[in-house]
Amino acid sequence: MRNLLAGIHDFQREGFRSQRTLMERLAVEGQRPQIALVCCSDSRVLPEMFTQAAPGDIFLVRNAGNIVPASGGDAPGEAASLEFAVEVLGVRDVVVCGHTHCGAVEAILNPHTLAGLPTLERWLLSSQETGRIVRERYAHLSRDRLMPVAVAEHVLVQLEHLRTLPFIARRLQEPDFAIHGWVYDIRTGEVVVYDVDAGRFVPLDPDAD
């Protein structure tokens, strides 16, 4: 904690200077983020770092397991945040970003590890489709091969949940609105993206918009 408090003081003395003009403009004009991004709360995953985003670029929604509960679920906070981003801020791209070495996905695959954690268990099992898909399709894989596949399938489940949200379903009828699936590799820094046409995750195209 002490290191972080010292960091705040250093930022106020030095770091903020390079951002002062931008922050003053954002304070006056308000935010106009480029994307809304649903990301895991994992402390190793910093979207602003691996996207090199500036303040105001990303409307970030974080939770354990980068989960988007389906419409009508028991946790409306994520839907409320995304509704604000899409309907009020005018965001035209919504991203669900999973990551390698994800403890939430491991727990979904091994629900016995959630014993004594009823709130977390209820939350993660709102995405129990991930476990079902992995058990039905990939039970033959070793653990090392299984986890990357499970993380990717988990992202795809969240994209399906996104499509159930009325304001997302409505916007998807518009040609300039899209939802995207990413997976960030903690070890290498690589980001792969879901290619709808190919039906799989592929390396990020450096020339992509």
C-alpha atoms as a PDB file:
ATOM      1  CA  MET A   1       0.000   0.000   0.000  1.00  0.00           C
ATOM      2  CA  ARG A   2       2.795   2.412   0.876  1.00  0.00           C
ATOM      3  CA  ASN A   3       4.308   2.071  -2.604  1.00  0.00           C
ATOM      4  CA  LEU A   4       0.971   2.926  -4.215  1.00  0.00           C
ATOM      5  CA  LEU A   5       0.483   5.980  -2.014  1.00  0.00           C
ATOM      6  CA  ALA A   6       3.972   7.145  -2.934  1.00  0.00           C
ATOM      7  CA  GLY A   7       3.037   6.600  -6.569  1.00  0.00           C
ATOM      8  CA  ILE A   8       0.026   8.888  -6.182  1.00  0.00           C
ATOM      9  CA  HIS A   9       2.257  11.643  -4.847  1.00  0.00           C
ATOM     10  CA  ASP A  10       4.747  11.162  -7.687  1.00  0.00           C
ATOM     11  CA  PHE A  11       1.938  11.261 -10.229  1.00  0.00           C
ATOM     12  CA  GLN A  12       0.564  14.485  -8.793  1.00  0.00           C
ATOM     13  CA  ARG A  13       4.011  16.093  -8.808  1.00  0.00           C
ATOM     14  CA  GLU A  14       5.273  14.868 -12.178  1.00  0.00           C
ATOM     15  CA  GLY A  15       3.179  12.350 -14.112  1.00  0.00           C
ATOM     16  CA  PHE A  16       0.022  14.404 -14.419  1.00  0.00           C
ATOM     17  CA  ARG A  17       1.807  17.259 -16.158  1.00  0.00           C
ATOM     18  CA  SER A  18       2.012  15.462 -19.506  1.00  0.00           C
ATOM     19  CA  GLN A  19      -1.726  14.709 -19.338  1.00  0.00           C
ATOM     20  CA  ARG A  20      -2.939  18.027 -17.960  1.00  0.00           C
ATOM     21  CA  THR A  21      -4.261  19.452 -21.224  1.00  0.00           C
ATOM     22  CA  LEU A  22      -6.054  16.226 -22.118  1.00  0.00           C
ATOM     23  CA  MET A  23      -7.606  15.857 -18.677  1.00  0.00           C
ATOM     24  CA  GLU A  24      -8.777  19.460 -18.632  1.00  0.00           C
ATOM     25  CA  ARG A  25     -10.440  18.936 -22.011  1.00  0.00           C
ATOM     26  CA  LEU A  26     -12.090  15.683 -20.860  1.00  0.00           C
ATOM     27  CA  ALA A  27     -13.341  17.399 -17.720  1.00  0.00           C
ATOM     28  CA  VAL A  28     -14.987  20.140 -19.768  1.00  0.00           C
ATOM     29  CA  GLU A  29     -16.171  18.188 -22.816  1.00  0.00           C
ATOM     30  CA  GLY A  30     -16.957  14.862 -21.133  1.00  0.00           C
ATOM     31  CA  GLN A  31     -15.912  11.385 -22.218  1.00  0.00           C
ATOM     32  CA  ARG A  32     -16.132   9.999 -25.729  1.00  0.00           C
ATOM     33  CA  PRO A  33     -14.606   6.520 -25.477  1.00  0.00           C
ATOM     34  CA  GLN A  34     -13.708   4.564 -28.582  1.00  0.00           C
ATOM     35  CA  ILE A  35     -14.846   1.227 -27.151  1.00  0.00           C
ATOM     36  CA  ALA A  36     -16.587  -0.385 -24.213  1.00  0.00           C
ATOM     37  CA  LEU A  37     -14.478  -3.241 -22.903  1.00  0.00           C
ATOM     38  CA  VAL A  38     -15.542  -5.993 -20.507  1.00  0.00           C
ATOM     39  CA  CYS A  39     -12.437  -7.293 -18.789  1.00  0.00           C
ATOM     40  CA  CYS A  40     -11.479  -9.528 -15.866  1.00  0.00           C
ATOM     41  CA  SER A  41     -10.588  -7.966 -12.519  1.00  0.00           C
ATOM     42  CA  ASP A  42      -7.311  -9.908 -12.530  1.00  0.00           C
ATOM     43  CA  SER A  43      -4.573  -7.516 -11.386  1.00  0.00           C
ATOM     44  CA  ARG A  44      -2.222  -8.768 -14.120  1.00  0.00           C
ATOM     45  CA  VAL A  45      -4.522  -7.567 -16.889  1.00  0.00           C
ATOM     46  CA  LEU A  46      -4.303  -3.860 -17.701  1.00  0.00           C
ATOM     47  CA  PRO A  47      -6.183  -3.039 -20.924  1.00  0.00           C
ATOM     48  CA  GLU A  48      -4.848   0.514 -20.983  1.00  0.00           C
ATOM     49  CA  MET A  49      -1.340  -0.941 -20.979  1.00  0.00           C
ATOM     50  CA  PHE A  50      -1.672  -3.507 -23.759  1.00  0.00           C
ATOM     51  CA  THR A  51      -3.788  -1.218 -25.956  1.00  0.00           C
ATOM     52  CA  GLN A  52      -1.651   1.842 -25.173  1.00  0.00           C
ATOM     53  CA  ALA A  53      -4.907   3.728 -24.621  1.00  0.00           C
ATOM     54  CA  ALA A  54      -5.079   7.280 -23.355  1.00  0.00           C
ATOM     55  CA  PRO A  55      -7.505   8.531 -20.695  1.00  0.00           C
ATOM     56  CA  GLY A  56     -10.973   8.704 -22.225  1.00  0.00           C
ATOM     57  CA  ASP A  57     -10.356   5.979 -24.850  1.00  0.00           C
ATOM     58  CA  ILE A  58     -11.854   2.953 -23.055  1.00  0.00           C
ATOM     59  CA  PHE A  59     -15.089   2.639 -21.115  1.00  0.00           C
ATOM     60  CA  LEU A  60     -14.025  -0.225 -18.874  1.00  0.00           C
ATOM     61  CA  VAL A  61     -16.293  -2.746 -17.162  1.00  0.00           C
ATOM     62  CA  ARG A  62     -14.356  -5.119 -14.890  1.00  0.00           C
ATOM     63  CA  ASN A  63     -15.479  -8.131 -12.900  1.00  0.00           C
ATOM     64  CA  ALA A  64     -14.297 -11.583 -11.873  1.00  0.00           C
ATOM     65  CA  GLY A  65     -14.139 -13.597 -15.076  1.00  0.00           C
ATOM     66  CA  ASN A  66     -15.063 -10.875 -17.624  1.00  0.00           C
ATOM     67  CA  ILE A  67     -18.655 -12.099 -17.437  1.00  0.00           C
ATOM     68  CA  VAL A  68     -21.658 -10.542 -19.142  1.00  0.00           C
ATOM     69  CA  PRO A  69     -24.780 -12.025 -17.513  1.00  0.00           C
ATOM     70  CA  ALA A  70     -27.500 -12.814 -20.023  1.00  0.00           C
ATOM     71  CA  SER A  71     -30.549 -10.574 -20.148  1.00  0.00           C
ATOM     72  CA  GLY A  72     -32.787 -11.087 -17.148  1.00  0.00           C
ATOM     73  CA  GLY A  73     -29.970 -12.339 -14.931  1.00  0.00           C
ATOM     74  CA  ASP A  74     -29.480 -11.526 -11.272  1.00  0.00           C
ATOM     75  CA  ALA A  75     -26.589  -9.064 -11.767  1.00  0.00           C
ATOM     76  CA  PRO A  76     -27.733  -6.017 -13.759  1.00  0.00           C
ATOM     77  CA  GLY A  77     -24.647  -3.896 -13.054  1.00  0.00           C
ATOM     78  CA  GLU A  78     -22.744  -4.993 -16.154  1.00  0.00           C
ATOM     79  CA  ALA A  79     -25.776  -4.486 -18.380  1.00  0.00           C
ATOM     80  CA  ALA A  80     -26.393  -1.042 -16.876  1.00  0.00           C
ATOM     81  CA  SER A  81     -22.806   0.012 -17.525  1.00  0.00           C
ATOM     82  CA  LEU A  82     -22.885  -1.241 -21.098  1.00  0.00           C
ATOM     83  CA  GLU A  83     -26.269   0.350 -21.724  1.00  0.00           C
ATOM     84  CA  PHE A  84     -24.835   3.694 -20.628  1.00  0.00           C
ATOM     85  CA  ALA A  85     -21.799   3.249 -22.876  1.00  0.00           C
ATOM     86  CA  VAL A  86     -23.864   2.323 -25.919  1.00  0.00           C
ATOM     87  CA  GLU A  87     -27.014   4.401 -25.523  1.00  0.00           C
ATOM     88  CA  VAL A  88     -25.612   7.535 -23.868  1.00  0.00           C
ATOM     89  CA  LEU A  89     -21.954   7.708 -24.863  1.00  0.00           C
ATOM     90  CA  GLY A  90     -22.550   6.336 -28.345  1.00  0.00           C
ATOM     91  CA  VAL A  91     -19.914   3.598 -28.283  1.00  0.00           C
ATOM     92  CA  ARG A  92     -20.052   1.578 -31.503  1.00  0.00           C
ATOM     93  CA  ASP A  93     -17.741  -1.301 -30.530  1.00  0.00           C
ATOM     94  CA  VAL A  94     -18.113  -3.543 -27.483  1.00  0.00           C
ATOM     95  CA  VAL A  95     -15.271  -5.923 -26.629  1.00  0.00           C
ATOM     96  CA  VAL A  96     -15.202  -8.891 -24.259  1.00  0.00           C
ATOM     97  CA  CYS A  97     -11.581  -9.552 -23.338  1.00  0.00           C
ATOM     98  CA  GLY A  98     -10.565 -12.772 -21.624  1.00  0.00           C
ATOM     99  CA  HIS A  99      -7.032 -13.716 -20.631  1.00  0.00           C
ATOM    100  CA  THR A 100      -4.764 -16.700 -20.172  1.00  0.00           C
ATOM    101  CA  HIS A 101      -4.151 -18.183 -16.712  1.00  0.00           C
ATOM    102  CA  CYS A 102      -7.647 -17.112 -15.672  1.00  0.00           C
ATOM    103  CA  GLY A 103      -8.603 -18.301 -12.195  1.00  0.00           C
ATOM    104  CA  ALA A 104     -12.282 -17.628 -12.827  1.00  0.00           C
ATOM    105  CA  VAL A 105     -12.378 -19.988 -15.799  1.00  0.00           C
ATOM    106  CA  GLU A 106     -10.510 -22.627 -13.797  1.00  0.00           C
ATOM    107  CA  ALA A 107     -13.116 -22.306 -11.055  1.00  0.00           C
ATOM    108  CA  ILE A 108     -15.978 -22.659 -13.541  1.00  0.00           C
ATOM    109  CA  LEU A 109     -14.400 -25.894 -14.762  1.00  0.00           C
ATOM    110  CA  ASN A 110     -13.801 -27.073 -11.188  1.00  0.00           C
ATOM    111  CA  PRO A 111     -16.757 -25.769  -9.151  1.00  0.00           C
ATOM    112  CA  HIS A 112     -15.724 -27.789  -6.074  1.00  0.00           C
ATOM    113  CA  THR A 113     -12.972 -25.199  -5.553  1.00  0.00           C
ATOM    114  CA  LEU A 114     -15.680 -22.621  -4.804  1.00  0.00           C
ATOM    115  CA  ALA A 115     -16.796 -24.336  -1.588  1.00  0.00           C
ATOM    116  CA  GLY A 116     -17.216 -21.710   1.123  1.00  0.00           C
ATOM    117  CA  LEU A 117     -17.451 -18.877  -1.430  1.00  0.00           C
ATOM    118  CA  PRO A 118     -21.207 -18.700  -2.082  1.00  0.00           C
ATOM    119  CA  THR A 119     -21.254 -15.233  -3.637  1.00  0.00           C
ATOM    120  CA  LEU A 120     -18.414 -16.011  -6.027  1.00  0.00           C
ATOM    121  CA  GLU A 121     -19.935 -19.397  -6.843  1.00  0.00           C
ATOM    122  CA  ARG A 122     -23.285 -17.826  -7.733  1.00  0.00           C
ATOM    123  CA  TRP A 123     -21.552 -15.223  -9.886  1.00  0.00           C
ATOM    124  CA  LEU A 124     -19.304 -17.599 -11.825  1.00  0.00           C
ATOM    125  CA  LEU A 125     -22.030 -20.151 -12.379  1.00  0.00           C
ATOM    126  CA  SER A 126     -24.043 -17.472 -14.176  1.00  0.00           C
ATOM    127  CA  SER A 127     -21.672 -18.510 -16.962  1.00  0.00           C
ATOM    128  CA  GLN A 128     -21.857 -22.247 -16.419  1.00  0.00           C
ATOM    129  CA  GLU A 129     -22.313 -22.757 -20.181  1.00  0.00           C
ATOM    130  CA  THR A 130     -18.528 -22.474 -20.372  1.00  0.00           C
ATOM    131  CA  GLY A 131     -18.105 -25.578 -18.232  1.00  0.00           C
ATOM    132  CA  ARG A 132     -20.746 -27.504 -20.150  1.00  0.00           C
ATOM    133  CA  ILE A 133     -19.186 -26.703 -23.540  1.00  0.00           C
ATOM    134  CA  VAL A 134     -15.704 -27.624 -22.377  1.00  0.00           C
ATOM    135  CA  ARG A 135     -16.851 -30.916 -20.836  1.00  0.00           C
ATOM    136  CA  GLU A 136     -18.830 -31.902 -23.938  1.00  0.00           C
ATOM    137  CA  ARG A 137     -16.289 -30.911 -26.591  1.00  0.00           C
ATOM    138  CA  TYR A 138     -12.820 -30.958 -25.073  1.00  0.00           C
ATOM    139  CA  ALA A 139     -12.698 -33.594 -22.329  1.00  0.00           C
ATOM    140  CA  HIS A 140      -9.956 -35.394 -24.291  1.00  0.00           C
ATOM    141  CA  LEU A 141      -7.485 -32.528 -23.939  1.00  0.00           C
ATOM    142  CA  SER A 142      -4.745 -32.366 -21.325  1.00  0.00           C
ATOM    143  CA  ARG A 143      -4.957 -29.562 -18.766  1.00  0.00           C
ATOM    144  CA  ASP A 144      -2.260 -27.484 -20.476  1.00  0.00           C
ATOM    145  CA  ARG A 145      -4.106 -27.627 -23.778  1.00  0.00           C
ATOM    146  CA  LEU A 146      -7.544 -27.363 -22.192  1.00  0.00           C
ATOM    147  CA  MET A 147      -7.190 -24.028 -20.413  1.00  0.00           C
ATOM    148  CA  PRO A 148      -6.476 -21.843 -23.480  1.00  0.00           C
ATOM    149  CA  VAL A 149      -9.449 -23.444 -25.235  1.00  0.00           C
ATOM    150  CA  ALA A 150     -11.654 -22.934 -22.185  1.00  0.00           C
ATOM    151  CA  VAL A 151     -10.702 -19.250 -21.942  1.00  0.00           C
ATOM    152  CA  ALA A 152     -11.576 -18.755 -25.613  1.00  0.00           C
ATOM    153  CA  GLU A 153     -14.901 -20.591 -25.284  1.00  0.00           C
ATOM    154  CA  HIS A 154     -15.676 -18.509 -22.207  1.00  0.00           C
ATOM    155  CA  VAL A 155     -15.299 -15.325 -24.242  1.00  0.00           C
ATOM    156  CA  LEU A 156     -17.634 -16.704 -26.904  1.00  0.00           C
ATOM    157  CA  VAL A 157     -20.238 -17.493 -24.242  1.00  0.00           C
ATOM    158  CA  GLN A 158     -20.105 -13.869 -23.104  1.00  0.00           C
ATOM    159  CA  LEU A 159     -20.616 -12.678 -26.671  1.00  0.00           C
ATOM    160  CA  GLU A 160     -23.758 -14.801 -26.814  1.00  0.00           C
ATOM    161  CA  HIS A 161     -24.904 -13.231 -23.550  1.00  0.00           C
ATOM    162  CA  LEU A 162     -24.246  -9.794 -25.014  1.00  0.00           C
ATOM    163  CA  ARG A 163     -26.565 -10.573 -27.911  1.00  0.00           C
ATOM    164  CA  THR A 164     -29.426 -11.218 -25.459  1.00  0.00           C
ATOM    165  CA  LEU A 165     -29.293  -7.656 -24.099  1.00  0.00           C
ATOM    166  CA  PRO A 166     -32.069  -5.712 -25.874  1.00  0.00           C
ATOM    167  CA  PHE A 167     -30.017  -2.584 -26.529  1.00  0.00           C
ATOM    168  CA  ILE A 168     -27.167  -4.667 -27.989  1.00  0.00           C
ATOM    169  CA  ALA A 169     -29.502  -6.788 -30.122  1.00  0.00           C
ATOM    170  CA  ARG A 170     -31.071  -3.640 -31.507  1.00  0.00           C
ATOM    171  CA  ARG A 171     -27.745  -1.971 -32.290  1.00  0.00           C
ATOM    172  CA  LEU A 172     -26.408  -5.082 -33.995  1.00  0.00           C
ATOM    173  CA  GLN A 173     -28.923  -4.407 -36.770  1.00  0.00           C
ATOM    174  CA  GLU A 174     -26.910  -1.281 -37.600  1.00  0.00           C
ATOM    175  CA  PRO A 175     -23.948  -1.711 -39.967  1.00  0.00           C
ATOM    176  CA  ASP A 176     -21.495   0.389 -37.954  1.00  0.00           C
ATOM    177  CA  PHE A 177     -21.996  -1.397 -34.627  1.00  0.00           C
ATOM    178  CA  ALA A 178     -20.089  -4.547 -33.658  1.00  0.00           C
ATOM    179  CA  ILE A 179     -19.138  -6.774 -30.747  1.00  0.00           C
ATOM    180  CA  HIS A 180     -15.728  -8.419 -30.505  1.00  0.00           C
ATOM    181  CA  GLY A 181     -13.965 -11.182 -28.581  1.00  0.00           C
ATOM    182  CA  TRP A 182     -10.322 -10.867 -27.531  1.00  0.00           C
ATOM    183  CA  VAL A 183      -7.965 -13.003 -25.473  1.00  0.00           C
ATOM    184  CA  TYR A 184      -4.889 -11.435 -23.885  1.00  0.00           C
ATOM    185  CA  ASP A 185      -1.868 -13.620 -23.145  1.00  0.00           C
ATOM    186  CA  ILE A 186      -0.366 -12.541 -19.828  1.00  0.00           C
ATOM    187  CA  ARG A 187       2.955 -14.242 -20.523  1.00  0.00           C
ATOM    188  CA  THR A 188       3.614 -12.891 -24.038  1.00  0.00           C
ATOM    189  CA  GLY A 189       1.456  -9.771 -24.321  1.00  0.00           C
ATOM    190  CA  GLU A 190      -0.154 -11.144 -27.478  1.00  0.00           C
ATOM    191  CA  VAL A 191      -3.819 -10.423 -28.201  1.00  0.00           C
ATOM    192  CA  VAL A 192      -5.855 -12.759 -30.382  1.00  0.00           C
ATOM    193  CA  VAL A 193      -9.256 -11.769 -31.741  1.00  0.00           C
ATOM    194  CA  TYR A 194     -12.258 -13.817 -32.771  1.00  0.00           C
ATOM    195  CA  ASP A 195     -12.668 -13.966 -36.543  1.00  0.00           C
ATOM    196  CA  VAL A 196     -16.354 -14.608 -37.265  1.00  0.00           C
ATOM    197  CA  ASP A 197     -15.711 -15.736 -40.833  1.00  0.00           C
ATOM    198  CA  ALA A 198     -12.947 -18.149 -39.855  1.00  0.00           C
ATOM    199  CA  GLY A 199     -14.807 -19.303 -36.749  1.00  0.00           C
ATOM    200  CA  ARG A 200     -11.702 -19.117 -34.576  1.00  0.00           C
ATOM    201  CA  PHE A 201      -9.373 -16.763 -32.727  1.00  0.00           C
ATOM    202  CA  VAL A 202      -6.551 -15.362 -34.854  1.00  0.00           C
ATOM    203  CA  PRO A 203      -3.567 -13.097 -34.210  1.00  0.00           C
ATOM    204  CA  LEU A 204      -4.400  -9.417 -34.277  1.00  0.00           C
ATOM    205  CA  ASP A 205      -3.978  -7.865 -37.727  1.00  0.00           C
ATOM    206  CA  PRO A 206      -1.680  -4.823 -37.280  1.00  0.00           C
ATOM    207  CA  ASP A 207      -3.547  -3.082 -40.110  1.00  0.00           C
ATOM    208  CA  ALA A 208      -7.007  -3.691 -38.640  1.00  0.00           C
ATOM    209  CA  ASP A 209      -9.176  -0.682 -37.827  1.00  0.00           C
END
